[in-house]
Amino acid sequence: MEVNPPKQEHLLALKVMRLTKPTLFTNIPVTCEEKDLPGDLFNQLMRDDPSTVNGAEILMLGEMLTLPQNFGNIFLGETFSSYISVHNDSNQVVKDILVKADLQTSSQRLNLSASNAAVAELKPDCCIDDVIHHEVKEIGTHILVCAVSYTTQGGEKMYFRKFFKFQVLKPLDVKTKFYNAESDLSSVTDEVFLEAQIQNITTSPMFMEKVSLEPSIMYNVAELNSVSQAGESVTTFGSRAYLQPMDTRQYLYCLKPKKEFAEKAGIIKGVTVIGKLDIVWKTNLGERGRLQTSQLQRMAPGYGDVRLSLEAIPDTVNLEEPFHITCKITNCSERTMDLVLEMCNTNSIHWCGISGRQLGKLHPSSSLCLALTLLSSVQGLQSVSGLRLTDTFLKRTYEYDDIAQVCVVSSAIKVES
């Protein structure tokens, strides 16, 4: 019958402790009214308690600090710090001690040891200390693997290791929305507005130190999160930058394509990289955390081969009186077009001018402006429709309806601008 040999005890002991800041001491106040049996006894005991705040004894938050009693939560973007100690519990000198600390994640294994050189010898009741730091960049299960190898006085090589598992949680929920807004129509490129919604999904308040957008090389960015008060710039969130648990805050940014990219590409098409958000916060007693999103991508709006936009149009016009608009036609294709303009009347809006007019050749990424005249025979909010552009090269017609809306009022009513 085979008997397993007894497990040999190691001469060295390994201790691993997480380094974290203390927290404010909390107590549960017990109070009563003076007419009750205890009278002022409970209040006097709280006033004599050194852990309570003078003048605010019934608050749960005290003035003292307390050391953490458990491992605590680790959030993405924070720095994980750990203290590693190897102690010689034996009565003999141990040689060639090598301590390694690796962090195993779902995708990689990282070496966190400050030094990979072996210690020549370790006398009895002495220890080797090391502190490791790592900025957590992945969510999920993390395993800290600490391995110790050494040589006994008899020349026997010994080795052991320990595993410490912990979870990395998500501190923030970040959602983004893109809004395509036509800017100054004298250019063929449009502004892009980015709304970032940031929610604190932890159980403690956060001090939002910085939330910024780092744009890609194609865009310039302007932050729209401050207002001017008394000659000073103040954030729209007020003087306090705290984000309470489960609260959400919206940040707004305006991006404009750089001139060199706009001139080179005409209209930025397809999927483009906008940039990434950089978020820095502090929690508890100043623990710092930082997150950077992946590159945000935006699908540019499609205008087809020909884009028709408005340069100028009045808001209010008089009934049965001509008014003028200015249209801009841009060739968004990669070929030259020979365009013909047709104007189709509707029940309420009538075009003034010659339909079927030749506009001539329009090269790729080029544009031309047209001044057109209309009149309305019906009062109210009317839609400008009925423009047709035909490319004589491909015999292809592009229809444009509901281009804009104008308010038509009776000519007897005086319209104040």
Protein backbone atom coordinates (compact mmCIF):
# COMPACT_ATOMS: atom_id res chain seq x y z
CA MET A 1 0.00 0.00 0.00
CA GLU A 2 1.50 3.31 -1.09
CA VAL A 3 1.62 6.02 1.52
CA ASN A 4 2.00 9.69 0.48
CA PRO A 5 4.94 11.35 2.21
CA PRO A 6 4.03 14.09 4.70
CA LYS A 7 3.89 17.60 3.28
CA GLN A 8 7.08 19.45 4.08
CA GLU A 9 6.75 22.73 5.94
CA HIS A 10 8.49 25.72 4.40
CA LEU A 11 11.04 27.81 6.25
CA LEU A 12 9.58 31.06 4.88
CA ALA A 13 6.14 32.58 5.40
CA LEU A 14 4.43 34.77 2.82
CA LYS A 15 1.96 37.52 3.70
CA VAL A 16 0.13 39.67 1.18
CA MET A 17 -1.96 42.69 2.20
CA ARG A 18 -3.75 45.27 0.10
CA LEU A 19 -2.72 48.87 0.75
CA THR A 20 -5.68 51.21 0.92
CA LYS A 21 -6.55 54.41 2.71
CA PRO A 22 -8.61 54.38 5.91
CA THR A 23 -12.22 55.50 6.06
CA LEU A 24 -14.08 57.83 8.38
CA PHE A 25 -15.50 56.11 11.44
CA THR A 26 -19.27 55.73 11.48
CA ASN A 27 -21.50 55.09 14.49
CA ILE A 28 -25.21 54.57 15.01
CA PRO A 29 -26.57 57.35 17.27
CA VAL A 30 -29.09 56.44 19.95
CA THR A 31 -31.23 59.37 21.08
CA CYS A 32 -34.40 60.01 23.03
CA GLU A 33 -36.50 62.94 24.17
CA GLU A 34 -35.84 64.60 27.51
CA LYS A 35 -39.27 63.54 28.85
CA ASP A 36 -38.37 59.88 28.30
CA LEU A 37 -36.95 57.76 31.09
CA PRO A 38 -33.24 58.05 30.13
CA GLY A 39 -33.60 61.83 29.99
CA ASP A 40 -30.38 63.43 28.73
CA LEU A 41 -28.26 60.33 29.38
CA PHE A 42 -27.91 59.20 25.75
CA ASN A 43 -27.08 62.70 24.52
CA GLN A 44 -24.46 63.11 27.23
CA LEU A 45 -22.85 59.78 26.31
CA MET A 46 -22.61 60.88 22.67
CA ARG A 47 -21.08 64.21 23.68
CA ASP A 48 -18.48 62.35 25.75
CA ASP A 49 -17.72 59.93 22.91
CA PRO A 50 -14.36 60.98 21.36
CA SER A 51 -15.35 59.55 17.95
CA THR A 52 -18.31 61.89 17.39
CA VAL A 53 -18.26 65.39 15.90
CA ASN A 54 -18.59 68.17 18.45
CA GLY A 55 -21.90 69.95 18.03
CA ALA A 56 -23.17 67.31 15.57
CA GLU A 57 -23.17 64.17 17.67
CA ILE A 58 -26.25 62.67 16.01
CA LEU A 59 -24.45 62.48 12.64
CA MET A 60 -23.28 58.99 11.76
CA LEU A 61 -19.97 60.27 10.36
CA GLY A 62 -17.32 60.71 13.03
CA GLU A 63 -13.98 62.48 13.28
CA MET A 64 -11.80 59.37 13.59
CA LEU A 65 -10.37 57.16 10.90
CA THR A 66 -10.77 53.40 10.86
CA LEU A 67 -8.57 50.86 9.11
CA PRO A 68 -10.22 48.70 6.44
CA GLN A 69 -11.49 45.40 7.78
CA ASN A 70 -11.77 43.61 4.43
CA PHE A 71 -10.31 43.61 0.95
CA GLY A 72 -12.82 46.20 -0.25
CA ASN A 73 -13.86 46.99 -3.80
CA ILE A 74 -11.45 47.68 -6.65
CA PHE A 75 -12.77 49.69 -9.57
CA LEU A 76 -11.57 49.97 -13.11
CA GLY A 77 -9.15 52.87 -13.53
CA GLU A 78 -7.94 52.84 -9.91
CA THR A 79 -4.45 51.85 -8.77
CA PHE A 80 -4.16 48.50 -7.00
CA SER A 81 -1.41 48.56 -4.34
CA SER A 82 -0.27 45.57 -2.33
CA TYR A 83 2.31 44.91 0.39
CA ILE A 84 4.23 41.64 0.10
CA SER A 85 6.29 40.33 3.00
CA VAL A 86 8.42 37.16 3.16
CA HIS A 87 9.47 36.28 6.72
CA ASN A 88 12.04 33.69 7.82
CA ASP A 89 10.22 31.70 10.53
CA SER A 90 13.05 29.17 10.94
CA ASN A 91 16.27 29.19 12.99
CA GLN A 92 18.57 28.81 9.99
CA VAL A 93 19.88 31.12 7.28
CA VAL A 94 18.05 30.82 3.96
CA LYS A 95 19.86 31.67 0.71
CA ASP A 96 19.02 32.79 -2.81
CA ILE A 97 15.51 34.04 -2.07
CA LEU A 98 13.55 35.13 -5.12
CA VAL A 99 10.07 36.65 -4.81
CA LYS A 100 7.89 37.14 -7.89
CA ALA A 101 4.45 38.72 -8.16
CA ASP A 102 2.38 38.32 -11.32
CA LEU A 103 -1.13 39.56 -12.03
CA GLN A 104 -3.20 37.21 -14.16
CA THR A 105 -6.20 38.66 -16.04
CA SER A 106 -8.49 37.15 -18.62
CA SER A 107 -6.25 38.39 -21.43
CA GLN A 108 -2.69 38.73 -20.11
CA ARG A 109 -0.19 38.03 -17.35
CA LEU A 110 1.75 41.00 -15.95
CA ASN A 111 4.93 40.94 -13.88
CA LEU A 112 4.57 43.39 -10.96
CA SER A 113 7.77 42.62 -9.06
CA ALA A 114 9.88 45.65 -8.30
CA SER A 115 13.08 43.63 -8.66
CA ASN A 116 13.79 40.27 -10.28
CA ALA A 117 17.15 39.85 -8.55
CA ALA A 118 17.52 37.21 -5.85
CA VAL A 119 18.41 38.12 -2.26
CA ALA A 120 21.68 36.42 -1.25
CA GLU A 121 20.56 35.35 2.23
CA LEU A 122 17.88 35.91 4.83
CA LYS A 123 18.69 35.45 8.51
CA PRO A 124 16.22 34.04 11.05
CA ASP A 125 13.39 36.40 12.08
CA CYS A 126 14.16 38.76 9.19
CA CYS A 127 11.95 39.59 6.27
CA ILE A 128 11.92 40.84 2.70
CA ASP A 129 9.35 43.55 1.93
CA ASP A 130 8.06 44.76 -1.39
CA VAL A 131 5.24 47.08 -2.48
CA ILE A 132 3.67 46.69 -5.90
CA HIS A 133 1.39 49.08 -7.80
CA HIS A 134 -0.76 48.48 -10.85
CA GLU A 135 -3.33 50.64 -12.61
CA VAL A 136 -6.29 48.37 -13.26
CA LYS A 137 -7.34 48.47 -16.91
CA GLU A 138 -9.60 45.41 -17.22
CA ILE A 139 -12.94 44.41 -15.72
CA GLY A 140 -13.47 40.98 -14.24
CA THR A 141 -11.52 38.42 -12.25
CA HIS A 142 -7.89 39.17 -11.39
CA ILE A 143 -5.52 36.69 -9.73
CA LEU A 144 -2.39 37.86 -7.92
CA VAL A 145 0.17 35.04 -8.09
CA CYS A 146 3.01 35.32 -5.56
CA ALA A 147 5.84 32.79 -5.96
CA VAL A 148 8.80 32.30 -3.59
CA SER A 149 11.88 30.19 -4.28
CA TYR A 150 14.88 29.72 -1.95
CA THR A 151 17.70 27.37 -0.98
CA THR A 152 18.10 25.79 2.46
CA GLN A 153 21.38 25.41 4.32
CA GLY A 154 21.53 21.81 3.14
CA GLY A 155 21.43 22.98 -0.50
CA GLU A 156 17.85 21.87 -1.16
CA LYS A 157 15.93 24.12 -3.52
CA MET A 158 12.42 24.95 -2.32
CA TYR A 159 9.51 26.61 -4.09
CA PHE A 160 5.93 27.58 -3.24
CA ARG A 161 3.32 30.05 -4.37
CA LYS A 162 -0.01 31.50 -3.29
CA PHE A 163 -2.99 32.82 -5.21
CA PHE A 164 -5.14 35.82 -4.30
CA LYS A 165 -8.29 36.37 -6.34
CA PHE A 166 -10.25 39.62 -6.53
CA GLN A 167 -12.85 41.22 -8.76
CA VAL A 168 -12.50 44.51 -10.60
CA LEU A 169 -15.81 46.37 -10.87
CA LYS A 170 -17.05 49.04 -13.26
CA PRO A 171 -17.20 52.48 -11.57
CA LEU A 172 -18.88 54.51 -14.31
CA ASP A 173 -21.47 53.94 -16.98
CA VAL A 174 -20.61 56.06 -20.03
CA LYS A 175 -23.05 56.56 -22.90
CA THR A 176 -22.46 58.77 -25.94
CA LYS A 177 -24.76 60.29 -28.54
CA PHE A 178 -23.87 62.12 -31.74
CA TYR A 179 -25.91 64.94 -33.24
CA ASN A 180 -25.25 66.16 -36.79
CA ALA A 181 -25.95 69.88 -37.00
CA GLU A 182 -25.58 71.88 -40.15
CA SER A 183 -23.30 74.77 -39.31
CA ASP A 184 -22.48 77.77 -41.45
CA LEU A 185 -23.63 76.58 -44.85
CA SER A 186 -20.91 78.53 -46.58
CA SER A 187 -18.74 75.46 -45.94
CA VAL A 188 -19.39 71.90 -47.06
CA THR A 189 -18.53 70.40 -43.69
CA ASP A 190 -20.88 70.23 -40.72
CA GLU A 191 -20.40 70.46 -36.99
CA VAL A 192 -20.79 67.37 -34.84
CA PHE A 193 -22.13 67.59 -31.29
CA LEU A 194 -21.19 64.85 -28.84
CA GLU A 195 -23.24 64.29 -25.69
CA ALA A 196 -21.56 62.13 -23.04
CA GLN A 197 -23.71 60.79 -20.19
CA ILE A 198 -21.63 59.70 -17.19
CA GLN A 199 -23.29 57.83 -14.32
CA ASN A 200 -21.70 56.97 -10.97
CA ILE A 201 -22.61 53.30 -10.37
CA THR A 202 -20.54 52.93 -7.18
CA THR A 203 -21.86 53.28 -3.63
CA SER A 204 -19.87 56.40 -2.71
CA PRO A 205 -19.71 59.98 -4.05
CA MET A 206 -17.12 60.94 -6.64
CA PHE A 207 -15.28 64.19 -7.12
CA MET A 208 -15.12 64.72 -10.88
CA GLU A 209 -11.70 66.24 -11.34
CA LYS A 210 -11.67 66.28 -15.15
CA VAL A 211 -13.88 65.19 -18.02
CA SER A 212 -12.42 66.10 -21.39
CA LEU A 213 -12.58 64.97 -24.99
CA GLU A 214 -9.30 64.28 -26.79
CA PRO A 215 -10.20 64.72 -30.48
CA SER A 216 -8.66 62.83 -33.36
CA ILE A 217 -6.31 64.59 -35.78
CA MET A 218 -9.29 65.37 -38.07
CA TYR A 219 -11.24 67.55 -35.62
CA ASN A 220 -11.02 70.57 -33.36
CA VAL A 221 -13.12 70.43 -30.20
CA ALA A 222 -14.88 73.08 -28.12
CA GLU A 223 -16.27 72.25 -24.67
CA LEU A 224 -19.80 73.53 -23.99
CA ASN A 225 -19.91 72.79 -20.26
CA SER A 226 -19.43 76.27 -18.82
CA VAL A 227 -21.23 79.61 -18.74
CA SER A 228 -20.02 83.13 -18.13
CA GLN A 229 -21.10 84.74 -14.85
CA ALA A 230 -19.79 88.11 -13.69
CA GLY A 231 -16.93 87.87 -16.15
CA GLU A 232 -15.87 84.43 -14.92
CA SER A 233 -16.29 81.02 -16.50
CA VAL A 234 -18.41 78.73 -14.30
CA THR A 235 -19.30 75.13 -15.05
CA THR A 236 -22.94 74.39 -15.77
CA PHE A 237 -22.93 71.97 -12.82
CA GLY A 238 -22.20 74.70 -10.26
CA SER A 239 -19.29 75.08 -7.88
CA ARG A 240 -19.56 71.52 -6.54
CA ALA A 241 -18.18 68.83 -8.81
CA TYR A 242 -19.47 65.89 -6.74
CA LEU A 243 -21.35 63.08 -8.43
CA GLN A 244 -23.54 61.18 -5.99
CA PRO A 245 -24.15 57.41 -6.32
CA MET A 246 -26.41 56.53 -9.29
CA ASP A 247 -26.46 60.18 -10.41
CA THR A 248 -25.90 61.03 -14.07
CA ARG A 249 -24.27 64.09 -15.58
CA GLN A 250 -24.28 65.19 -19.23
CA TYR A 251 -21.29 66.76 -20.95
CA LEU A 252 -21.51 68.42 -24.36
CA TYR A 253 -18.77 68.98 -26.96
CA CYS A 254 -18.76 70.55 -30.41
CA LEU A 255 -16.38 69.17 -33.03
CA LYS A 256 -15.46 70.84 -36.29
CA PRO A 257 -13.37 69.23 -39.06
CA LYS A 258 -9.97 70.83 -39.49
CA LYS A 259 -9.53 72.97 -42.55
CA GLU A 260 -6.93 70.75 -44.20
CA PHE A 261 -9.14 67.66 -43.95
CA ALA A 262 -12.24 69.55 -45.07
CA GLU A 263 -10.44 70.93 -48.13
CA LYS A 264 -8.92 67.56 -48.96
CA ALA A 265 -12.05 65.46 -48.54
CA GLY A 266 -14.76 68.01 -49.28
CA ILE A 267 -17.35 66.28 -47.16
CA ILE A 268 -16.14 63.77 -44.60
CA LYS A 269 -17.86 60.51 -45.47
CA GLY A 270 -18.37 57.11 -43.91
CA VAL A 271 -17.17 56.11 -40.47
CA THR A 272 -14.74 58.59 -38.91
CA VAL A 273 -12.87 58.53 -35.61
CA ILE A 274 -13.98 61.41 -33.38
CA GLY A 275 -11.67 60.94 -30.37
CA LYS A 276 -11.82 59.52 -26.85
CA LEU A 277 -13.09 60.70 -23.47
CA ASP A 278 -10.61 61.17 -20.61
CA ILE A 279 -12.27 60.97 -17.17
CA VAL A 280 -10.42 61.60 -13.88
CA TRP A 281 -12.09 61.37 -10.46
CA LYS A 282 -11.33 61.01 -6.75
CA THR A 283 -13.17 58.95 -4.14
CA ASN A 284 -13.19 58.47 -0.36
CA LEU A 285 -10.06 60.20 1.00
CA GLY A 286 -8.51 61.18 -2.31
CA GLU A 287 -8.04 57.86 -4.13
CA ARG A 288 -7.54 58.78 -7.74
CA GLY A 289 -9.10 56.97 -10.67
CA ARG A 290 -8.84 57.49 -14.40
CA LEU A 291 -10.65 56.04 -17.39
CA GLN A 292 -10.17 56.55 -21.10
CA THR A 293 -12.81 55.29 -23.48
CA SER A 294 -11.95 53.56 -26.71
CA GLN A 295 -11.92 55.67 -29.86
CA LEU A 296 -15.42 56.99 -30.50
CA GLN A 297 -16.62 56.52 -34.05
CA ARG A 298 -19.31 58.42 -35.88
CA MET A 299 -21.11 57.60 -39.10
CA ALA A 300 -21.17 60.73 -41.22
CA PRO A 301 -24.60 61.57 -42.66
CA GLY A 302 -25.09 60.48 -46.24
CA TYR A 303 -26.14 63.16 -48.74
CA GLY A 304 -26.15 61.01 -51.86
CA ASP A 305 -24.51 62.21 -55.03
CA VAL A 306 -25.89 65.76 -54.83
CA ARG A 307 -26.51 67.75 -51.67
CA LEU A 308 -28.98 70.62 -51.61
CA SER A 309 -28.78 72.98 -48.63
CA LEU A 310 -30.13 76.43 -47.83
CA GLU A 311 -27.91 79.45 -47.41
CA ALA A 312 -30.69 81.94 -46.65
CA ILE A 313 -34.46 81.82 -46.20
CA PRO A 314 -36.85 84.19 -44.36
CA ASP A 315 -38.72 82.93 -41.31
CA THR A 316 -41.94 84.82 -42.11
CA VAL A 317 -43.30 85.92 -45.51
CA ASN A 318 -46.42 87.79 -46.67
CA LEU A 319 -49.26 86.05 -48.45
CA GLU A 320 -49.05 86.24 -52.29
CA GLU A 321 -45.88 88.33 -52.15
CA PRO A 322 -42.63 87.04 -53.69
CA PHE A 323 -39.78 86.10 -51.36
CA HIS A 324 -36.26 84.95 -52.05
CA ILE A 325 -34.17 82.01 -50.92
CA THR A 326 -30.58 81.04 -51.66
CA CYS A 327 -29.77 77.38 -52.30
CA LYS A 328 -26.40 75.70 -52.38
CA ILE A 329 -25.78 72.63 -54.56
CA THR A 330 -22.75 70.45 -53.80
CA ASN A 331 -21.43 67.58 -55.89
CA CYS A 332 -20.73 64.81 -53.35
CA SER A 333 -19.86 62.20 -55.94
CA GLU A 334 -16.51 61.43 -57.54
CA ARG A 335 -17.57 62.33 -61.07
CA THR A 336 -18.41 65.52 -62.94
CA MET A 337 -22.12 66.28 -63.38
CA ASP A 338 -24.07 68.32 -65.91
CA LEU A 339 -27.12 69.53 -63.99
CA VAL A 340 -30.52 70.82 -65.05
CA LEU A 341 -32.85 72.53 -62.53
CA GLU A 342 -36.60 71.91 -62.65
CA MET A 343 -39.14 73.65 -60.36
CA CYS A 344 -42.50 71.97 -59.66
CA ASN A 345 -45.28 74.00 -58.07
CA THR A 346 -47.29 72.65 -55.14
CA ASN A 347 -50.77 73.55 -53.89
CA SER A 348 -49.43 76.28 -51.62
CA ILE A 349 -45.91 77.17 -52.82
CA HIS A 350 -45.30 78.49 -56.37
CA TRP A 351 -41.90 78.97 -57.98
CA CYS A 352 -41.21 82.14 -59.97
CA GLY A 353 -38.81 81.67 -62.85
CA ILE A 354 -37.93 79.38 -65.72
CA SER A 355 -37.98 75.64 -65.07
CA GLY A 356 -35.52 73.39 -66.89
CA ARG A 357 -32.64 75.82 -66.57
CA GLN A 358 -29.15 74.52 -67.40
CA LEU A 359 -26.75 74.88 -64.44
CA GLY A 360 -23.70 73.65 -66.31
CA LYS A 361 -20.98 71.25 -65.23
CA LEU A 362 -20.24 70.72 -61.56
CA HIS A 363 -16.96 69.03 -60.65
CA PRO A 364 -16.53 66.66 -57.65
CA SER A 365 -16.55 68.43 -54.24
CA SER A 366 -17.52 71.68 -55.97
CA SER A 367 -20.62 73.74 -55.24
CA LEU A 368 -22.68 76.57 -56.65
CA CYS A 369 -25.25 78.96 -55.18
CA LEU A 370 -28.64 79.77 -56.69
CA ALA A 371 -30.99 82.64 -55.86
CA LEU A 372 -34.61 81.53 -56.31
CA THR A 373 -37.95 83.33 -55.95
CA LEU A 374 -41.21 81.91 -54.61
CA LEU A 375 -44.64 83.03 -53.42
CA SER A 376 -47.28 81.34 -51.30
CA SER A 377 -51.02 81.32 -51.92
CA VAL A 378 -51.97 79.75 -48.57
CA GLN A 379 -51.47 81.10 -45.07
CA GLY A 380 -49.86 79.16 -42.23
CA LEU A 381 -46.71 77.07 -41.94
CA GLN A 382 -45.87 75.96 -45.46
CA SER A 383 -43.25 73.52 -46.71
CA VAL A 384 -40.86 74.49 -49.52
CA SER A 385 -40.87 71.57 -51.97
CA GLY A 386 -40.68 70.73 -55.64
CA LEU A 387 -37.04 71.11 -56.70
CA ARG A 388 -35.61 68.56 -59.15
CA LEU A 389 -32.02 68.20 -60.31
CA THR A 390 -31.21 66.04 -63.33
CA ASP A 391 -27.74 64.86 -64.29
CA THR A 392 -27.77 64.75 -68.10
CA PHE A 393 -24.67 62.52 -68.21
CA LEU A 394 -26.38 59.59 -66.40
CA LYS A 395 -29.99 60.69 -67.02
CA ARG A 396 -30.52 60.52 -63.21
CA THR A 397 -32.98 62.80 -61.40
CA TYR A 398 -32.68 63.85 -57.75
CA GLU A 399 -35.86 65.02 -55.98
CA TYR A 400 -35.89 67.50 -53.08
CA ASP A 401 -39.06 67.99 -51.05
CA ASP A 402 -39.64 69.44 -47.59
CA ILE A 403 -36.47 71.48 -47.94
CA ALA A 404 -37.58 74.03 -45.35
CA GLN A 405 -40.66 75.65 -43.84
CA VAL A 406 -41.83 79.25 -43.83
CA CYS A 407 -44.60 80.98 -41.93
CA VAL A 408 -47.00 82.72 -44.33
CA VAL A 409 -49.10 85.57 -42.88
CA SER A 410 -51.60 88.02 -44.32
CA SER A 411 -50.01 91.10 -45.84
CA ALA A 412 -52.30 93.25 -43.66
CA ILE A 413 -50.50 92.01 -40.55
CA LYS A 414 -47.36 93.87 -39.71
CA VAL A 415 -44.51 91.46 -39.12
CA GLU A 416 -41.94 92.67 -36.62
CA SER A 417 -38.48 91.25 -36.98
